[in-house]
Amino acid sequence: MGGTPVDKVSMDLFKGETCVLLGYSGAGKSTLIDMIVGKCEITAGNATLNFHSCKHEQEKIHAVDRLGYCNSGGNLALIEKLTVWEHLKLVCEIKDVD
């Protein structure tokens, strides 16, 4: 593995959409979320949420209040016989998400 956990990420998400980040342990999924919500420093580049900089305007965007985050790690990740789709459906059922 090694390297930079979050590098050259670009995506557009719109109101009402659901985004799923998939990757191996250490791929940078949690780091990316932490950068957006201001828990981790953005050392290069920038992220924007509602046209405000996650790097420079955290007090304006309140990203942590605007994002839903479900870390399905722990025991759920141990269910090795499920496909990715089945795993996501299970987490949505547990979290009562349509």
N, C-alpha and C. Protein backbone atom coordinates (compact mmCIF):
# COMPACT_ATOMS: atom_id res chain seq x y z
N MET A 1 0.84 -1.17 0.00
CA MET A 1 0.00 0.00 0.00
C MET A 1 0.89 1.24 0.00
N GLY A 2 0.94 2.00 1.06
CA GLY A 2 1.76 3.19 1.12
C GLY A 2 1.20 4.30 0.26
N GLY A 3 1.98 5.36 0.08
CA GLY A 3 1.54 6.46 -0.75
C GLY A 3 0.62 7.42 -0.02
N THR A 4 -0.02 8.26 -0.78
CA THR A 4 -0.93 9.26 -0.24
C THR A 4 -2.34 8.68 -0.21
N PRO A 5 -2.99 8.65 0.96
CA PRO A 5 -4.31 8.02 1.03
C PRO A 5 -5.37 8.73 0.20
N VAL A 6 -5.30 10.05 0.07
CA VAL A 6 -6.27 10.79 -0.73
C VAL A 6 -5.48 11.63 -1.73
N ASP A 7 -5.63 11.32 -3.02
CA ASP A 7 -4.86 12.02 -4.04
C ASP A 7 -5.70 12.12 -5.32
N LYS A 8 -5.83 13.32 -5.83
CA LYS A 8 -6.53 13.57 -7.10
C LYS A 8 -7.96 13.04 -7.09
N VAL A 9 -8.71 13.33 -6.05
CA VAL A 9 -10.11 12.95 -5.97
C VAL A 9 -10.96 14.07 -6.54
N SER A 10 -11.89 13.73 -7.40
CA SER A 10 -12.81 14.70 -7.95
C SER A 10 -14.17 14.03 -8.13
N MET A 11 -15.22 14.65 -7.58
CA MET A 11 -16.56 14.11 -7.75
C MET A 11 -17.58 15.21 -7.54
N ASP A 12 -18.72 15.05 -8.17
CA ASP A 12 -19.84 15.96 -7.98
C ASP A 12 -20.98 15.15 -7.40
N LEU A 13 -21.51 15.62 -6.29
CA LEU A 13 -22.66 14.99 -5.66
C LEU A 13 -23.75 16.03 -5.56
N PHE A 14 -24.98 15.59 -5.76
CA PHE A 14 -26.10 16.52 -5.76
C PHE A 14 -27.12 16.14 -4.71
N LYS A 15 -27.91 17.11 -4.29
CA LYS A 15 -28.92 16.91 -3.26
C LYS A 15 -29.77 15.68 -3.57
N GLY A 16 -29.94 14.85 -2.57
CA GLY A 16 -30.76 13.66 -2.71
C GLY A 16 -30.01 12.43 -3.20
N GLU A 17 -28.77 12.60 -3.61
CA GLU A 17 -27.98 11.46 -4.09
C GLU A 17 -27.30 10.75 -2.93
N THR A 18 -27.01 9.49 -3.16
CA THR A 18 -26.26 8.69 -2.20
C THR A 18 -24.94 8.32 -2.84
N CYS A 19 -23.87 8.46 -2.11
CA CYS A 19 -22.54 8.11 -2.59
C CYS A 19 -21.97 7.04 -1.68
N VAL A 20 -21.38 6.02 -2.25
CA VAL A 20 -20.75 4.95 -1.49
C VAL A 20 -19.28 4.93 -1.83
N LEU A 21 -18.43 5.00 -0.83
CA LEU A 21 -16.99 4.88 -1.04
C LEU A 21 -16.56 3.46 -0.70
N LEU A 22 -16.04 2.75 -1.67
CA LEU A 22 -15.57 1.39 -1.46
C LEU A 22 -14.07 1.34 -1.63
N GLY A 23 -13.41 0.55 -0.83
CA GLY A 23 -11.97 0.39 -0.97
C GLY A 23 -11.40 -0.41 0.17
N TYR A 24 -10.19 -0.87 -0.03
CA TYR A 24 -9.53 -1.67 0.99
C TYR A 24 -9.17 -0.81 2.19
N SER A 25 -8.85 -1.45 3.29
CA SER A 25 -8.44 -0.74 4.49
C SER A 25 -7.20 0.09 4.18
N GLY A 26 -7.25 1.38 4.50
CA GLY A 26 -6.12 2.26 4.24
C GLY A 26 -6.20 2.98 2.91
N ALA A 27 -7.30 2.80 2.18
CA ALA A 27 -7.43 3.43 0.86
C ALA A 27 -7.70 4.93 0.94
N GLY A 28 -8.16 5.42 2.09
CA GLY A 28 -8.39 6.85 2.26
C GLY A 28 -9.85 7.25 2.35
N LYS A 29 -10.76 6.28 2.47
CA LYS A 29 -12.19 6.59 2.53
C LYS A 29 -12.52 7.48 3.73
N SER A 30 -12.13 7.06 4.90
CA SER A 30 -12.41 7.84 6.11
C SER A 30 -11.64 9.16 6.11
N THR A 31 -10.43 9.15 5.59
CA THR A 31 -9.64 10.38 5.51
C THR A 31 -10.33 11.40 4.63
N LEU A 32 -10.89 10.96 3.51
CA LEU A 32 -11.61 11.87 2.62
C LEU A 32 -12.79 12.52 3.34
N ILE A 33 -13.59 11.73 4.05
CA ILE A 33 -14.72 12.28 4.80
C ILE A 33 -14.22 13.23 5.88
N ASP A 34 -13.15 12.83 6.59
CA ASP A 34 -12.58 13.70 7.63
C ASP A 34 -12.12 15.03 7.07
N MET A 35 -11.58 15.03 5.86
CA MET A 35 -11.16 16.28 5.23
C MET A 35 -12.36 17.17 4.92
N ILE A 36 -13.43 16.58 4.43
CA ILE A 36 -14.61 17.35 4.07
C ILE A 36 -15.25 17.99 5.30
N VAL A 37 -15.29 17.25 6.41
CA VAL A 37 -15.95 17.78 7.62
C VAL A 37 -15.00 18.57 8.53
N GLY A 38 -13.74 18.71 8.14
CA GLY A 38 -12.82 19.53 8.90
C GLY A 38 -12.10 18.83 10.04
N LYS A 39 -12.20 17.51 10.12
CA LYS A 39 -11.48 16.77 11.18
C LYS A 39 -10.04 16.50 10.79
N CYS A 40 -9.72 16.66 9.52
CA CYS A 40 -8.38 16.35 9.01
C CYS A 40 -8.01 17.47 8.04
N GLU A 41 -6.78 17.93 8.10
CA GLU A 41 -6.33 19.03 7.26
C GLU A 41 -6.26 18.64 5.79
N ILE A 42 -6.73 19.52 4.94
CA ILE A 42 -6.54 19.37 3.49
C ILE A 42 -5.20 20.03 3.19
N THR A 43 -4.20 19.24 2.84
CA THR A 43 -2.84 19.77 2.67
C THR A 43 -2.56 20.26 1.25
N ALA A 44 -3.33 19.82 0.29
CA ALA A 44 -3.18 20.28 -1.10
C ALA A 44 -4.55 20.25 -1.75
N GLY A 45 -4.76 21.15 -2.69
CA GLY A 45 -6.06 21.20 -3.35
C GLY A 45 -7.13 21.74 -2.43
N ASN A 46 -8.38 21.40 -2.73
CA ASN A 46 -9.49 21.91 -1.94
C ASN A 46 -10.70 21.01 -2.15
N ALA A 47 -11.67 21.15 -1.31
CA ALA A 47 -12.97 20.50 -1.47
C ALA A 47 -14.00 21.58 -1.24
N THR A 48 -15.10 21.51 -1.97
CA THR A 48 -16.16 22.49 -1.77
C THR A 48 -17.47 21.80 -1.47
N LEU A 49 -18.26 22.43 -0.64
CA LEU A 49 -19.58 21.93 -0.29
C LEU A 49 -20.51 23.13 -0.31
N ASN A 50 -21.55 23.07 -1.11
CA ASN A 50 -22.47 24.21 -1.27
C ASN A 50 -21.71 25.49 -1.63
N PHE A 51 -20.74 25.35 -2.52
CA PHE A 51 -19.96 26.47 -3.05
C PHE A 51 -19.05 27.13 -2.02
N HIS A 52 -18.81 26.47 -0.90
CA HIS A 52 -17.90 26.99 0.12
C HIS A 52 -16.71 26.04 0.26
N SER A 53 -15.56 26.60 0.53
CA SER A 53 -14.33 25.84 0.67
C SER A 53 -14.30 25.04 1.98
N CYS A 54 -14.09 23.75 1.86
CA CYS A 54 -13.93 22.91 3.06
C CYS A 54 -12.59 23.22 3.74
N LYS A 55 -11.66 23.77 2.97
CA LYS A 55 -10.34 24.09 3.51
C LYS A 55 -10.34 25.42 4.25
N HIS A 56 -11.12 26.39 3.77
CA HIS A 56 -11.04 27.74 4.32
C HIS A 56 -12.33 28.26 4.96
N GLU A 57 -13.45 27.57 4.78
CA GLU A 57 -14.72 28.12 5.24
C GLU A 57 -15.55 27.11 6.04
N GLN A 58 -14.91 26.30 6.86
CA GLN A 58 -15.63 25.29 7.64
C GLN A 58 -16.75 25.90 8.48
N GLU A 59 -16.50 27.10 9.02
CA GLU A 59 -17.52 27.72 9.88
C GLU A 59 -18.78 28.08 9.10
N LYS A 60 -18.69 28.21 7.78
CA LYS A 60 -19.85 28.56 6.96
C LYS A 60 -20.63 27.34 6.48
N ILE A 61 -19.96 26.23 6.28
CA ILE A 61 -20.64 25.11 5.64
C ILE A 61 -21.20 24.07 6.59
N HIS A 62 -20.65 23.98 7.78
CA HIS A 62 -21.13 22.99 8.75
C HIS A 62 -21.27 21.61 8.10
N ALA A 63 -20.22 21.17 7.42
CA ALA A 63 -20.27 19.92 6.66
C ALA A 63 -20.68 18.73 7.51
N VAL A 64 -20.22 18.69 8.74
CA VAL A 64 -20.52 17.55 9.59
C VAL A 64 -22.03 17.42 9.83
N ASP A 65 -22.76 18.53 9.75
CA ASP A 65 -24.21 18.51 9.93
C ASP A 65 -24.95 18.20 8.63
N ARG A 66 -24.27 18.26 7.50
CA ARG A 66 -24.92 18.09 6.20
C ARG A 66 -24.70 16.72 5.58
N LEU A 67 -23.79 15.95 6.13
CA LEU A 67 -23.47 14.65 5.54
C LEU A 67 -23.95 13.53 6.44
N GLY A 68 -24.48 12.49 5.83
CA GLY A 68 -24.79 11.27 6.56
C GLY A 68 -23.64 10.31 6.34
N TYR A 69 -23.17 9.70 7.38
CA TYR A 69 -22.00 8.83 7.28
C TYR A 69 -22.28 7.53 7.99
N CYS A 70 -22.08 6.45 7.29
CA CYS A 70 -22.29 5.12 7.87
C CYS A 70 -21.03 4.31 7.68
N ASN A 71 -20.28 4.13 8.73
CA ASN A 71 -19.12 3.26 8.69
C ASN A 71 -19.62 1.86 8.99
N SER A 72 -19.62 1.02 7.99
CA SER A 72 -20.17 -0.32 8.17
C SER A 72 -19.11 -1.31 8.61
N GLY A 73 -18.01 -0.82 9.14
CA GLY A 73 -16.95 -1.70 9.62
C GLY A 73 -17.38 -2.52 10.81
N GLY A 74 -16.45 -3.06 11.51
CA GLY A 74 -16.78 -3.89 12.67
C GLY A 74 -17.35 -5.22 12.23
N ASN A 75 -18.39 -5.66 12.92
CA ASN A 75 -18.96 -6.98 12.65
C ASN A 75 -19.55 -7.12 11.26
N LEU A 76 -20.14 -6.05 10.71
CA LEU A 76 -20.73 -6.16 9.39
C LEU A 76 -19.70 -6.49 8.32
N ALA A 77 -18.50 -5.96 8.47
CA ALA A 77 -17.46 -6.22 7.48
C ALA A 77 -17.01 -7.68 7.51
N LEU A 78 -17.35 -8.39 8.54
CA LEU A 78 -16.94 -9.79 8.65
C LEU A 78 -17.88 -10.74 7.92
N ILE A 79 -18.97 -10.22 7.39
CA ILE A 79 -19.91 -11.07 6.66
C ILE A 79 -19.36 -11.24 5.24
N GLU A 80 -18.44 -12.16 5.08
CA GLU A 80 -17.70 -12.31 3.82
C GLU A 80 -18.51 -12.91 2.68
N LYS A 81 -19.62 -13.55 2.97
CA LYS A 81 -20.38 -14.21 1.91
C LYS A 81 -21.32 -13.27 1.18
N LEU A 82 -21.47 -12.04 1.65
CA LEU A 82 -22.35 -11.09 0.99
C LEU A 82 -21.62 -10.39 -0.15
N THR A 83 -22.35 -10.11 -1.23
CA THR A 83 -21.80 -9.26 -2.28
C THR A 83 -21.79 -7.82 -1.78
N VAL A 84 -21.13 -6.92 -2.49
CA VAL A 84 -21.12 -5.51 -2.11
C VAL A 84 -22.56 -4.99 -2.07
N TRP A 85 -23.37 -5.32 -3.09
CA TRP A 85 -24.75 -4.86 -3.14
C TRP A 85 -25.55 -5.39 -1.94
N GLU A 86 -25.40 -6.67 -1.62
CA GLU A 86 -26.11 -7.25 -0.48
C GLU A 86 -25.68 -6.58 0.83
N HIS A 87 -24.40 -6.28 0.94
CA HIS A 87 -23.87 -5.61 2.13
C HIS A 87 -24.50 -4.23 2.28
N LEU A 88 -24.56 -3.46 1.18
CA LEU A 88 -25.15 -2.12 1.22
C LEU A 88 -26.63 -2.19 1.58
N LYS A 89 -27.34 -3.16 1.00
CA LYS A 89 -28.77 -3.32 1.32
C LYS A 89 -28.95 -3.62 2.80
N LEU A 90 -28.09 -4.48 3.36
CA LEU A 90 -28.17 -4.82 4.78
C LEU A 90 -27.94 -3.60 5.66
N VAL A 91 -26.92 -2.83 5.34
CA VAL A 91 -26.63 -1.61 6.12
C VAL A 91 -27.80 -0.64 6.03
N CYS A 92 -28.37 -0.49 4.84
CA CYS A 92 -29.53 0.41 4.68
C CYS A 92 -30.73 -0.07 5.49
N GLU A 93 -30.94 -1.36 5.52
CA GLU A 93 -32.04 -1.89 6.34
C GLU A 93 -31.80 -1.63 7.82
N ILE A 94 -30.58 -1.87 8.27
CA ILE A 94 -30.25 -1.66 9.68
C ILE A 94 -30.39 -0.18 10.05
N LYS A 95 -29.96 0.71 9.15
CA LYS A 95 -29.99 2.15 9.41
C LYS A 95 -31.33 2.78 9.01
N ASP A 96 -32.26 1.98 8.52
CA ASP A 96 -33.59 2.44 8.10
C ASP A 96 -33.51 3.51 7.02
N VAL A 97 -32.72 3.21 5.97
CA VAL A 97 -32.55 4.09 4.82
C VAL A 97 -33.26 3.46 3.64
N ASP A 98 -34.04 4.27 2.91
CA ASP A 98 -34.74 3.77 1.70
C ASP A 98 -33.79 3.67 0.54
